[in-house]
Amino acid sequence: MRVIDKEYGEEVNVYGLYHYNKDIYFYGITVGEDSIAAFRQKDVEIIEPKFNFDMVYTGSDGNSSFMLLHWALAENNLLDNILDRDEDAINLFSKLKLIKSKILI
């Protein structure tokens, strides 16, 4: 999935989405960057709506928040470590994305 950040006009590759407090957010990496940021749905334009990787659902009580994440982000707190800007986690996610994309081709 890909979106355009309306404020900056930058393309963002999306690796997860979540619902929180009546809003939908996308976890994505701006093209040319290496760390994940959250983008509110109303602040982006969707240019490619399909995900080309396996997704994992994680939810709380089923009534409030949930997440759909790239399979690698759902493992071993990888998402939290990347959000904390852990260099090892960022490098691992980059490698896992590359390996999986080559397997799918």
PDB file of N, CA and C in Angstrom:
ATOM      1  N   MET A   1       0.850  -1.176   0.000  1.00  0.00           N
ATOM      2  CA  MET A   1       0.000   0.000   0.000  1.00  0.00           C
ATOM      3  C   MET A   1       0.894   1.237   0.000  1.00  0.00           C
ATOM      4  N   ARG A   2       0.459   2.244  -0.753  1.00  0.00           N
ATOM      5  CA  ARG A   2       1.210   3.498  -0.810  1.00  0.00           C
ATOM      6  C   ARG A   2       0.245   4.667  -0.675  1.00  0.00           C
ATOM      7  N   VAL A   3       0.714   5.703  -0.001  1.00  0.00           N
ATOM      8  CA  VAL A   3      -0.072   6.923   0.175  1.00  0.00           C
ATOM      9  C   VAL A   3       0.821   8.127  -0.091  1.00  0.00           C
ATOM     10  N   ILE A   4       0.193   9.270  -0.284  1.00  0.00           N
ATOM     11  CA  ILE A   4       0.898  10.547  -0.395  1.00  0.00           C
ATOM     12  C   ILE A   4       0.531  11.377   0.835  1.00  0.00           C
ATOM     13  N   ASP A   5       1.528  11.873   1.522  1.00  0.00           N
ATOM     14  CA  ASP A   5       1.322  12.787   2.648  1.00  0.00           C
ATOM     15  C   ASP A   5       0.879  14.126   2.056  1.00  0.00           C
ATOM     16  N   LYS A   6      -0.350  14.536   2.340  1.00  0.00           N
ATOM     17  CA  LYS A   6      -0.898  15.759   1.741  1.00  0.00           C
ATOM     18  C   LYS A   6      -0.118  17.013   2.129  1.00  0.00           C
ATOM     19  N   GLU A   7       0.408  17.056   3.330  1.00  0.00           N
ATOM     20  CA  GLU A   7       1.114  18.258   3.789  1.00  0.00           C
ATOM     21  C   GLU A   7       2.442  18.453   3.074  1.00  0.00           C
ATOM     22  N   TYR A   8       3.196  17.360   2.892  1.00  0.00           N
ATOM     23  CA  TYR A   8       4.539  17.473   2.314  1.00  0.00           C
ATOM     24  C   TYR A   8       4.636  16.948   0.885  1.00  0.00           C
ATOM     25  N   GLY A   9       3.595  16.279   0.397  1.00  0.00           N
ATOM     26  CA  GLY A   9       3.605  15.749  -0.953  1.00  0.00           C
ATOM     27  C   GLY A   9       4.534  14.569  -1.141  1.00  0.00           C
ATOM     28  N   GLU A  10       4.905  13.911  -0.044  1.00  0.00           N
ATOM     29  CA  GLU A  10       5.856  12.801  -0.120  1.00  0.00           C
ATOM     30  C   GLU A  10       5.133  11.457  -0.165  1.00  0.00           C
ATOM     31  N   GLU A  11       5.716  10.529  -0.933  1.00  0.00           N
ATOM     32  CA  GLU A  11       5.173   9.185  -1.032  1.00  0.00           C
ATOM     33  C   GLU A  11       5.602   8.369   0.181  1.00  0.00           C
ATOM     34  N   VAL A  12       4.655   7.584   0.697  1.00  0.00           N
ATOM     35  CA  VAL A  12       4.888   6.782   1.895  1.00  0.00           C
ATOM     36  C   VAL A  12       4.491   5.340   1.609  1.00  0.00           C
ATOM     37  N   ASN A  13       5.382   4.394   1.888  1.00  0.00           N
ATOM     38  CA  ASN A  13       5.058   2.973   1.822  1.00  0.00           C
ATOM     39  C   ASN A  13       4.464   2.575   3.164  1.00  0.00           C
ATOM     40  N   VAL A  14       3.267   1.978   3.134  1.00  0.00           N
ATOM     41  CA  VAL A  14       2.536   1.653   4.358  1.00  0.00           C
ATOM     42  C   VAL A  14       2.775   0.193   4.733  1.00  0.00           C
ATOM     43  N   TYR A  15       3.091  -0.025   6.021  1.00  0.00           N
ATOM     44  CA  TYR A  15       3.374  -1.364   6.538  1.00  0.00           C
ATOM     45  C   TYR A  15       2.443  -1.754   7.675  1.00  0.00           C
ATOM     46  N   GLY A  16       1.464  -0.932   7.958  1.00  0.00           N
ATOM     47  CA  GLY A  16       0.499  -1.264   8.992  1.00  0.00           C
ATOM     48  C   GLY A  16      -0.563  -0.193   9.087  1.00  0.00           C
ATOM     49  N   LEU A  17      -1.666  -0.561   9.705  1.00  0.00           N
ATOM     50  CA  LEU A  17      -2.699   0.422   9.973  1.00  0.00           C
ATOM     51  C   LEU A  17      -3.311   0.106  11.319  1.00  0.00           C
ATOM     52  N   TYR A  18      -3.821   1.139  11.949  1.00  0.00           N
ATOM     53  CA  TYR A  18      -4.477   0.914  13.227  1.00  0.00           C
ATOM     54  C   TYR A  18      -5.596   1.908  13.449  1.00  0.00           C
ATOM     55  N   HIS A  19      -6.515   1.490  14.293  1.00  0.00           N
ATOM     56  CA  HIS A  19      -7.667   2.298  14.665  1.00  0.00           C
ATOM     57  C   HIS A  19      -7.478   2.735  16.104  1.00  0.00           C
ATOM     58  N   TYR A  20      -7.614   4.031  16.341  1.00  0.00           N
ATOM     59  CA  TYR A  20      -7.486   4.543  17.698  1.00  0.00           C
ATOM     60  C   TYR A  20      -8.328   5.803  17.844  1.00  0.00           C
ATOM     61  N   ASN A  21      -9.182   5.812  18.846  1.00  0.00           N
ATOM     62  CA  ASN A  21      -9.955   7.003  19.179  1.00  0.00           C
ATOM     63  C   ASN A  21     -10.728   7.557  17.972  1.00  0.00           C
ATOM     64  N   LYS A  22     -11.427   6.674  17.283  1.00  0.00           N
ATOM     65  CA  LYS A  22     -12.277   7.014  16.131  1.00  0.00           C
ATOM     66  C   LYS A  22     -11.510   7.479  14.895  1.00  0.00           C
ATOM     67  N   ASP A  23     -10.216   7.287  14.866  1.00  0.00           N
ATOM     68  CA  ASP A  23      -9.411   7.633  13.690  1.00  0.00           C
ATOM     69  C   ASP A  23      -8.665   6.400  13.191  1.00  0.00           C
ATOM     70  N   ILE A  24      -8.353   6.397  11.905  1.00  0.00           N
ATOM     71  CA  ILE A  24      -7.511   5.365  11.305  1.00  0.00           C
ATOM     72  C   ILE A  24      -6.152   5.998  11.038  1.00  0.00           C
ATOM     73  N   TYR A  25      -5.098   5.280  11.388  1.00  0.00           N
ATOM     74  CA  TYR A  25      -3.726   5.733  11.160  1.00  0.00           C
ATOM     75  C   TYR A  25      -2.985   4.684  10.349  1.00  0.00           C
ATOM     76  N   PHE A  26      -2.023   5.132   9.565  1.00  0.00           N
ATOM     77  CA  PHE A  26      -1.155   4.239   8.810  1.00  0.00           C
ATOM     78  C   PHE A  26       0.255   4.335   9.374  1.00  0.00           C
ATOM     79  N   TYR A  27       0.893   3.179   9.569  1.00  0.00           N
ATOM     80  CA  TYR A  27       2.322   3.164   9.872  1.00  0.00           C
ATOM     81  C   TYR A  27       3.042   3.071   8.539  1.00  0.00           C
ATOM     82  N   GLY A  28       3.903   4.029   8.253  1.00  0.00           N
ATOM     83  CA  GLY A  28       4.576   4.014   6.972  1.00  0.00           C
ATOM     84  C   GLY A  28       5.964   4.602   7.029  1.00  0.00           C
ATOM     85  N   ILE A  29       6.698   4.335   5.964  1.00  0.00           N
ATOM     86  CA  ILE A  29       8.054   4.856   5.812  1.00  0.00           C
ATOM     87  C   ILE A  29       8.070   5.723   4.558  1.00  0.00           C
ATOM     88  N   THR A  30       8.407   6.985   4.733  1.00  0.00           N
ATOM     89  CA  THR A  30       8.523   7.901   3.606  1.00  0.00           C
ATOM     90  C   THR A  30       9.644   7.420   2.693  1.00  0.00           C
ATOM     91  N   VAL A  31       9.401   7.461   1.386  1.00  0.00           N
ATOM     92  CA  VAL A  31      10.409   7.030   0.417  1.00  0.00           C
ATOM     93  C   VAL A  31      11.700   7.803   0.667  1.00  0.00           C
ATOM     94  N   GLY A  32      12.806   7.062   0.779  1.00  0.00           N
ATOM     95  CA  GLY A  32      14.103   7.670   1.033  1.00  0.00           C
ATOM     96  C   GLY A  32      14.471   7.739   2.504  1.00  0.00           C
ATOM     97  N   GLU A  33      13.539   7.410   3.382  1.00  0.00           N
ATOM     98  CA  GLU A  33      13.792   7.405   4.825  1.00  0.00           C
ATOM     99  C   GLU A  33      13.907   5.958   5.298  1.00  0.00           C
ATOM    100  N   ASP A  34      14.195   5.776   6.595  1.00  0.00           N
ATOM    101  CA  ASP A  34      14.318   4.406   7.087  1.00  0.00           C
ATOM    102  C   ASP A  34      13.536   4.125   8.363  1.00  0.00           C
ATOM    103  N   SER A  35      12.847   5.111   8.921  1.00  0.00           N
ATOM    104  CA  SER A  35      12.105   4.834  10.145  1.00  0.00           C
ATOM    105  C   SER A  35      10.611   5.064   9.936  1.00  0.00           C
ATOM    106  N   ILE A  36       9.836   4.356  10.727  1.00  0.00           N
ATOM    107  CA  ILE A  36       8.383   4.373  10.605  1.00  0.00           C
ATOM    108  C   ILE A  36       7.790   5.576  11.330  1.00  0.00           C
ATOM    109  N   ALA A  37       6.739   6.126  10.740  1.00  0.00           N
ATOM    110  CA  ALA A  37       5.974   7.200  11.371  1.00  0.00           C
ATOM    111  C   ALA A  37       4.491   6.885  11.191  1.00  0.00           C
ATOM    112  N   ALA A  38       3.654   7.509  11.990  1.00  0.00           N
ATOM    113  CA  ALA A  38       2.206   7.336  11.885  1.00  0.00           C
ATOM    114  C   ALA A  38       1.614   8.502  11.098  1.00  0.00           C
ATOM    115  N   PHE A  39       0.684   8.174  10.215  1.00  0.00           N
ATOM    116  CA  PHE A  39       0.016   9.167   9.380  1.00  0.00           C
ATOM    117  C   PHE A  39      -1.492   8.986   9.539  1.00  0.00           C
ATOM    118  N   ARG A  40      -2.202  10.046   9.871  1.00  0.00           N
ATOM    119  CA  ARG A  40      -3.657   9.971  10.004  1.00  0.00           C
ATOM    120  C   ARG A  40      -4.281   9.841   8.619  1.00  0.00           C
ATOM    121  N   GLN A  41      -5.294   8.992   8.510  1.00  0.00           N
ATOM    122  CA  GLN A  41      -5.919   8.725   7.217  1.00  0.00           C
ATOM    123  C   GLN A  41      -6.370  10.003   6.519  1.00  0.00           C
ATOM    124  N   LYS A  42      -6.931  10.943   7.250  1.00  0.00           N
ATOM    125  CA  LYS A  42      -7.439  12.157   6.601  1.00  0.00           C
ATOM    126  C   LYS A  42      -6.317  13.073   6.113  1.00  0.00           C
ATOM    127  N   ASP A  43      -5.073  12.784   6.503  1.00  0.00           N
ATOM    128  CA  ASP A  43      -3.928  13.601   6.094  1.00  0.00           C
ATOM    129  C   ASP A  43      -3.150  13.009   4.921  1.00  0.00           C
ATOM    130  N   VAL A  44      -3.668  11.908   4.349  1.00  0.00           N
ATOM    131  CA  VAL A  44      -2.989  11.268   3.222  1.00  0.00           C
ATOM    132  C   VAL A  44      -3.976  10.984   2.105  1.00  0.00           C
ATOM    133  N   GLU A  45      -3.425  10.767   0.921  1.00  0.00           N
ATOM    134  CA  GLU A  45      -4.207  10.319  -0.232  1.00  0.00           C
ATOM    135  C   GLU A  45      -3.705   8.933  -0.602  1.00  0.00           C
ATOM    136  N   ILE A  46      -4.606   7.975  -0.695  1.00  0.00           N
ATOM    137  CA  ILE A  46      -4.217   6.604  -1.031  1.00  0.00           C
ATOM    138  C   ILE A  46      -3.982   6.522  -2.530  1.00  0.00           C
ATOM    139  N   ILE A  47      -2.781   6.066  -2.928  1.00  0.00           N
ATOM    140  CA  ILE A  47      -2.470   5.930  -4.353  1.00  0.00           C
ATOM    141  C   ILE A  47      -2.360   4.466  -4.770  1.00  0.00           C
ATOM    142  N   GLU A  48      -2.141   3.559  -3.833  1.00  0.00           N
ATOM    143  CA  GLU A  48      -2.129   2.113  -4.100  1.00  0.00           C
ATOM    144  C   GLU A  48      -2.734   1.434  -2.884  1.00  0.00           C
ATOM    145  N   PRO A  49      -3.969   0.909  -3.008  1.00  0.00           N
ATOM    146  CA  PRO A  49      -4.668   0.389  -1.840  1.00  0.00           C
ATOM    147  C   PRO A  49      -4.306  -1.045  -1.432  1.00  0.00           C
ATOM    148  N   LYS A  50      -3.501  -1.733  -2.222  1.00  0.00           N
ATOM    149  CA  LYS A  50      -3.208  -3.146  -1.932  1.00  0.00           C
ATOM    150  C   LYS A  50      -1.909  -3.316  -1.158  1.00  0.00           C
ATOM    151  N   PHE A  51      -1.963  -4.228  -0.179  1.00  0.00           N
ATOM    152  CA  PHE A  51      -0.748  -4.657   0.515  1.00  0.00           C
ATOM    153  C   PHE A  51      -0.187  -5.846  -0.247  1.00  0.00           C
ATOM    154  N   ASN A  52       1.135  -5.925  -0.410  1.00  0.00           N
ATOM    155  CA  ASN A  52       1.734  -7.040  -1.148  1.00  0.00           C
ATOM    156  C   ASN A  52       2.567  -7.930  -0.228  1.00  0.00           C
ATOM    157  N   PHE A  53       2.126  -8.055   1.019  1.00  0.00           N
ATOM    158  CA  PHE A  53       2.812  -8.898   1.993  1.00  0.00           C
ATOM    159  C   PHE A  53       1.776  -9.416   2.983  1.00  0.00           C
ATOM    160  N   ASP A  54       2.167 -10.436   3.757  1.00  0.00           N
ATOM    161  CA  ASP A  54       1.278 -10.989   4.766  1.00  0.00           C
ATOM    162  C   ASP A  54       1.083  -9.991   5.895  1.00  0.00           C
ATOM    163  N   MET A  55      -0.152  -9.925   6.375  1.00  0.00           N
ATOM    164  CA  MET A  55      -0.507  -9.020   7.471  1.00  0.00           C
ATOM    165  C   MET A  55      -0.937  -9.844   8.683  1.00  0.00           C
ATOM    166  N   VAL A  56      -0.716  -9.281   9.864  1.00  0.00           N
ATOM    167  CA  VAL A  56      -1.116  -9.916  11.113  1.00  0.00           C
ATOM    168  C   VAL A  56      -2.058  -8.961  11.843  1.00  0.00           C
ATOM    169  N   TYR A  57      -3.179  -9.501  12.314  1.00  0.00           N
ATOM    170  CA  TYR A  57      -4.149  -8.711  13.075  1.00  0.00           C
ATOM    171  C   TYR A  57      -3.820  -8.792  14.561  1.00  0.00           C
ATOM    172  N   THR A  58      -3.798  -7.660  15.235  1.00  0.00           N
ATOM    173  CA  THR A  58      -3.703  -7.634  16.692  1.00  0.00           C
ATOM    174  C   THR A  58      -4.781  -6.690  17.192  1.00  0.00           C
ATOM    175  N   GLY A  59      -5.497  -7.126  18.205  1.00  0.00           N
ATOM    176  CA  GLY A  59      -6.574  -6.304  18.718  1.00  0.00           C
ATOM    177  C   GLY A  59      -6.624  -6.315  20.220  1.00  0.00           C
ATOM    178  N   SER A  60      -7.373  -5.386  20.750  1.00  0.00           N
ATOM    179  CA  SER A  60      -7.523  -5.332  22.200  1.00  0.00           C
ATOM    180  C   SER A  60      -8.798  -6.065  22.584  1.00  0.00           C
ATOM    181  N   ASP A  61      -9.845  -5.350  22.859  1.00  0.00           N
ATOM    182  CA  ASP A  61     -11.092  -5.973  23.296  1.00  0.00           C
ATOM    183  C   ASP A  61     -12.097  -6.142  22.163  1.00  0.00           C
ATOM    184  N   GLY A  62     -11.721  -5.782  20.960  1.00  0.00           N
ATOM    185  CA  GLY A  62     -12.627  -5.895  19.829  1.00  0.00           C
ATOM    186  C   GLY A  62     -13.567  -4.711  19.676  1.00  0.00           C
ATOM    187  N   ASN A  63     -13.584  -3.828  20.636  1.00  0.00           N
ATOM    188  CA  ASN A  63     -14.484  -2.673  20.585  1.00  0.00           C
ATOM    189  C   ASN A  63     -13.765  -1.353  20.373  1.00  0.00           C
ATOM    190  N   SER A  64     -12.474  -1.313  20.608  1.00  0.00           N
ATOM    191  CA  SER A  64     -11.787  -0.027  20.508  1.00  0.00           C
ATOM    192  C   SER A  64     -10.681  -0.068  19.474  1.00  0.00           C
ATOM    193  N   SER A  65      -9.472  -0.389  19.864  1.00  0.00           N
ATOM    194  CA  SER A  65      -8.354  -0.296  18.924  1.00  0.00           C
ATOM    195  C   SER A  65      -7.974  -1.658  18.356  1.00  0.00           C
ATOM    196  N   PHE A  66      -7.403  -1.623  17.168  1.00  0.00           N
ATOM    197  CA  PHE A  66      -6.859  -2.819  16.535  1.00  0.00           C
ATOM    198  C   PHE A  66      -5.736  -2.383  15.616  1.00  0.00           C
ATOM    199  N   MET A  67      -4.910  -3.343  15.217  1.00  0.00           N
ATOM    200  CA  MET A  67      -3.848  -3.073  14.251  1.00  0.00           C
ATOM    201  C   MET A  67      -3.774  -4.207  13.248  1.00  0.00           C
ATOM    202  N   LEU A  68      -3.444  -3.875  12.017  1.00  0.00           N
ATOM    203  CA  LEU A  68      -3.029  -4.814  10.988  1.00  0.00           C
ATOM    204  C   LEU A  68      -1.607  -4.427  10.652  1.00  0.00           C
ATOM    205  N   LEU A  69      -0.678  -5.359  10.849  1.00  0.00           N
ATOM    206  CA  LEU A  69       0.737  -5.041  10.685  1.00  0.00           C
ATOM    207  C   LEU A  69       1.416  -5.979   9.702  1.00  0.00           C
ATOM    208  N   HIS A  70       2.420  -5.480   9.015  1.00  0.00           N
ATOM    209  CA  HIS A  70       3.338  -6.308   8.240  1.00  0.00           C
ATOM    210  C   HIS A  70       3.794  -7.431   9.158  1.00  0.00           C
ATOM    211  N   TRP A  71       3.858  -8.641   8.647  1.00  0.00           N
ATOM    212  CA  TRP A  71       4.156  -9.812   9.478  1.00  0.00           C
ATOM    213  C   TRP A  71       5.402  -9.625  10.336  1.00  0.00           C
ATOM    214  N   ALA A  72       6.446  -8.979   9.804  1.00  0.00           N
ATOM    215  CA  ALA A  72       7.694  -8.828  10.563  1.00  0.00           C
ATOM    216  C   ALA A  72       7.539  -7.835  11.715  1.00  0.00           C
ATOM    217  N   LEU A  73       6.703  -6.811  11.527  1.00  0.00           N
ATOM    218  CA  LEU A  73       6.503  -5.825  12.592  1.00  0.00           C
ATOM    219  C   LEU A  73       5.772  -6.417  13.790  1.00  0.00           C
ATOM    220  N   ALA A  74       4.984  -7.460  13.544  1.00  0.00           N
ATOM    221  CA  ALA A  74       4.204  -8.078  14.616  1.00  0.00           C
ATOM    222  C   ALA A  74       5.039  -9.015  15.487  1.00  0.00           C
ATOM    223  N   GLU A  75       6.249  -9.329  15.062  1.00  0.00           N
ATOM    224  CA  GLU A  75       7.096 -10.279  15.782  1.00  0.00           C
ATOM    225  C   GLU A  75       7.999  -9.583  16.789  1.00  0.00           C
ATOM    226  N   ASN A  76       8.112 -10.141  17.979  1.00  0.00           N
ATOM    227  CA  ASN A  76       9.120  -9.763  18.981  1.00  0.00           C
ATOM    228  C   ASN A  76       9.252  -8.261  19.220  1.00  0.00           C
ATOM    229  N   ASN A  77       8.138  -7.554  19.283  1.00  0.00           N
ATOM    230  CA  ASN A  77       8.154  -6.107  19.562  1.00  0.00           C
ATOM    231  C   ASN A  77       8.949  -5.291  18.546  1.00  0.00           C
ATOM    232  N   LEU A  78       9.069  -5.796  17.327  1.00  0.00           N
ATOM    233  CA  LEU A  78       9.857  -5.087  16.322  1.00  0.00           C
ATOM    234  C   LEU A  78       9.295  -3.685  16.061  1.00  0.00           C
ATOM    235  N   LEU A  79       7.976  -3.558  15.983  1.00  0.00           N
ATOM    236  CA  LEU A  79       7.384  -2.237  15.749  1.00  0.00           C
ATOM    237  C   LEU A  79       7.779  -1.260  16.854  1.00  0.00           C
ATOM    238  N   ASP A  80       7.638  -1.677  18.106  1.00  0.00           N
ATOM    239  CA  ASP A  80       7.995  -0.786  19.222  1.00  0.00           C
ATOM    240  C   ASP A  80       9.459  -0.377  19.159  1.00  0.00           C
ATOM    241  N   ASN A  81      10.324  -1.324  18.837  1.00  0.00           N
ATOM    242  CA  ASN A  81      11.756  -1.013  18.757  1.00  0.00           C
ATOM    243  C   ASN A  81      12.058  -0.037  17.619  1.00  0.00           C
ATOM    244  N   ILE A  82      11.369  -0.198  16.499  1.00  0.00           N
ATOM    245  CA  ILE A  82      11.571   0.724  15.377  1.00  0.00           C
ATOM    246  C   ILE A  82      11.060   2.120  15.742  1.00  0.00           C
ATOM    247  N   LEU A  83       9.902   2.179  16.396  1.00  0.00           N
ATOM    248  CA  LEU A  83       9.368   3.481  16.814  1.00  0.00           C
ATOM    249  C   LEU A  83      10.294   4.165  17.810  1.00  0.00           C
ATOM    250  N   ASP A  84      11.053   3.367  18.563  1.00  0.00           N
ATOM    251  CA  ASP A  84      12.061   3.915  19.485  1.00  0.00           C
ATOM    252  C   ASP A  84      13.370   4.234  18.769  1.00  0.00           C
ATOM    253  N   ARG A  85      13.391   4.073  17.431  1.00  0.00           N
ATOM    254  CA  ARG A  85      14.546   4.371  16.580  1.00  0.00           C
ATOM    255  C   ARG A  85      15.762   3.483  16.874  1.00  0.00           C
ATOM    256  N   ASP A  86      15.490   2.228  17.238  1.00  0.00           N
ATOM    257  CA  ASP A  86      16.553   1.257  17.475  1.00  0.00           C
ATOM    258  C   ASP A  86      17.161   0.865  16.122  1.00  0.00           C
ATOM    259  N   GLU A  87      18.438   1.170  15.916  1.00  0.00           N
ATOM    260  CA  GLU A  87      19.109   0.928  14.625  1.00  0.00           C
ATOM    261  C   GLU A  87      19.084  -0.546  14.229  1.00  0.00           C
ATOM    262  N   ASP A  88      19.289  -1.447  15.186  1.00  0.00           N
ATOM    263  CA  ASP A  88      19.266  -2.880  14.876  1.00  0.00           C
ATOM    264  C   ASP A  88      17.890  -3.307  14.378  1.00  0.00           C
ATOM    265  N   ALA A  89      16.836  -2.806  15.005  1.00  0.00           N
ATOM    266  CA  ALA A  89      15.476  -3.141  14.590  1.00  0.00           C
ATOM    267  C   ALA A  89      15.178  -2.586  13.197  1.00  0.00           C
ATOM    268  N   ILE A  90      15.595  -1.362  12.939  1.00  0.00           N
ATOM    269  CA  ILE A  90      15.384  -0.751  11.621  1.00  0.00           C
ATOM    270  C   ILE A  90      16.100  -1.558  10.541  1.00  0.00           C
ATOM    271  N   ASN A  91      17.338  -1.948  10.791  1.00  0.00           N
ATOM    272  CA  ASN A  91      18.098  -2.743   9.825  1.00  0.00           C
ATOM    273  C   ASN A  91      17.474  -4.114   9.619  1.00  0.00           C
ATOM    274  N   LEU A  92      17.011  -4.748  10.702  1.00  0.00           N
ATOM    275  CA  LEU A  92      16.378  -6.058  10.591  1.00  0.00           C
ATOM    276  C   LEU A  92      15.116  -5.969   9.747  1.00  0.00           C
ATOM    277  N   PHE A  93      14.278  -4.966   9.972  1.00  0.00           N
ATOM    278  CA  PHE A  93      13.053  -4.827   9.197  1.00  0.00           C
ATOM    279  C   PHE A  93      13.372  -4.607   7.724  1.00  0.00           C
ATOM    280  N   SER A  94      14.378  -3.813   7.425  1.00  0.00           N
ATOM    281  CA  SER A  94      14.788  -3.590   6.029  1.00  0.00           C
ATOM    282  C   SER A  94      15.185  -4.900   5.368  1.00  0.00           C
ATOM    283  N   LYS A  95      15.927  -5.726   6.078  1.00  0.00           N
ATOM    284  CA  LYS A  95      16.351  -7.021   5.528  1.00  0.00           C
ATOM    285  C   LYS A  95      15.168  -7.957   5.345  1.00  0.00           C
ATOM    286  N   LEU A  96      14.267  -8.010   6.320  1.00  0.00           N
ATOM    287  CA  LEU A  96      13.114  -8.899   6.228  1.00  0.00           C
ATOM    288  C   LEU A  96      12.195  -8.504   5.086  1.00  0.00           C
ATOM    289  N   LYS A  97      12.001  -7.211   4.851  1.00  0.00           N
ATOM    290  CA  LYS A  97      11.183  -6.751   3.723  1.00  0.00           C
ATOM    291  C   LYS A  97      11.802  -7.218   2.415  1.00  0.00           C
ATOM    292  N   LEU A  98      13.110  -7.090   2.289  1.00  0.00           N
ATOM    293  CA  LEU A  98      13.808  -7.468   1.064  1.00  0.00           C
ATOM    294  C   LEU A  98      13.722  -8.969   0.826  1.00  0.00           C
ATOM    295  N   ILE A  99      13.970  -9.764   1.852  1.00  0.00           N
ATOM    296  CA  ILE A  99      13.917 -11.221   1.722  1.00  0.00           C
ATOM    297  C   ILE A  99      12.528 -11.664   1.297  1.00  0.00           C
ATOM    298  N   LYS A 100      11.499 -11.188   1.965  1.00  0.00           N
ATOM    299  CA  LYS A 100      10.131 -11.589   1.656  1.00  0.00           C
ATOM    300  C   LYS A 100       9.736 -11.148   0.252  1.00  0.00           C
ATOM    301  N   SER A 101      10.140  -9.955  -0.183  1.00  0.00           N
ATOM    302  CA  SER A 101       9.772  -9.488  -1.519  1.00  0.00           C
ATOM    303  C   SER A 101      10.406 -10.361  -2.589  1.00  0.00           C
ATOM    304  N   LYS A 102      11.609 -10.844  -2.363  1.00  0.00           N
ATOM    305  CA  LYS A 102      12.260 -11.714  -3.338  1.00  0.00           C
ATOM    306  C   LYS A 102      11.598 -13.082  -3.382  1.00  0.00           C
ATOM    307  N   ILE A 103      11.088 -13.554  -2.242  1.00  0.00           N
ATOM    308  CA  ILE A 103      10.394 -14.837  -2.201  1.00  0.00           C
ATOM    309  C   ILE A 103       9.083 -14.750  -2.968  1.00  0.00           C
ATOM    310  N   LEU A 104       8.389 -13.613  -2.898  1.00  0.00           N
ATOM    311  CA  LEU A 104       7.093 -13.453  -3.548  1.00  0.00           C
ATOM    312  C   LEU A 104       7.192 -13.284  -5.053  1.00  0.00           C
ATOM    313  N   ILE A 105       8.368 -12.923  -5.559  1.00  0.00           N
ATOM    314  CA  ILE A 105       8.522 -12.684  -7.004  1.00  0.00           C
ATOM    315  C   ILE A 105       8.544 -13.983  -7.766  1.00  0.00           C
TER     316      ILE A 105
END
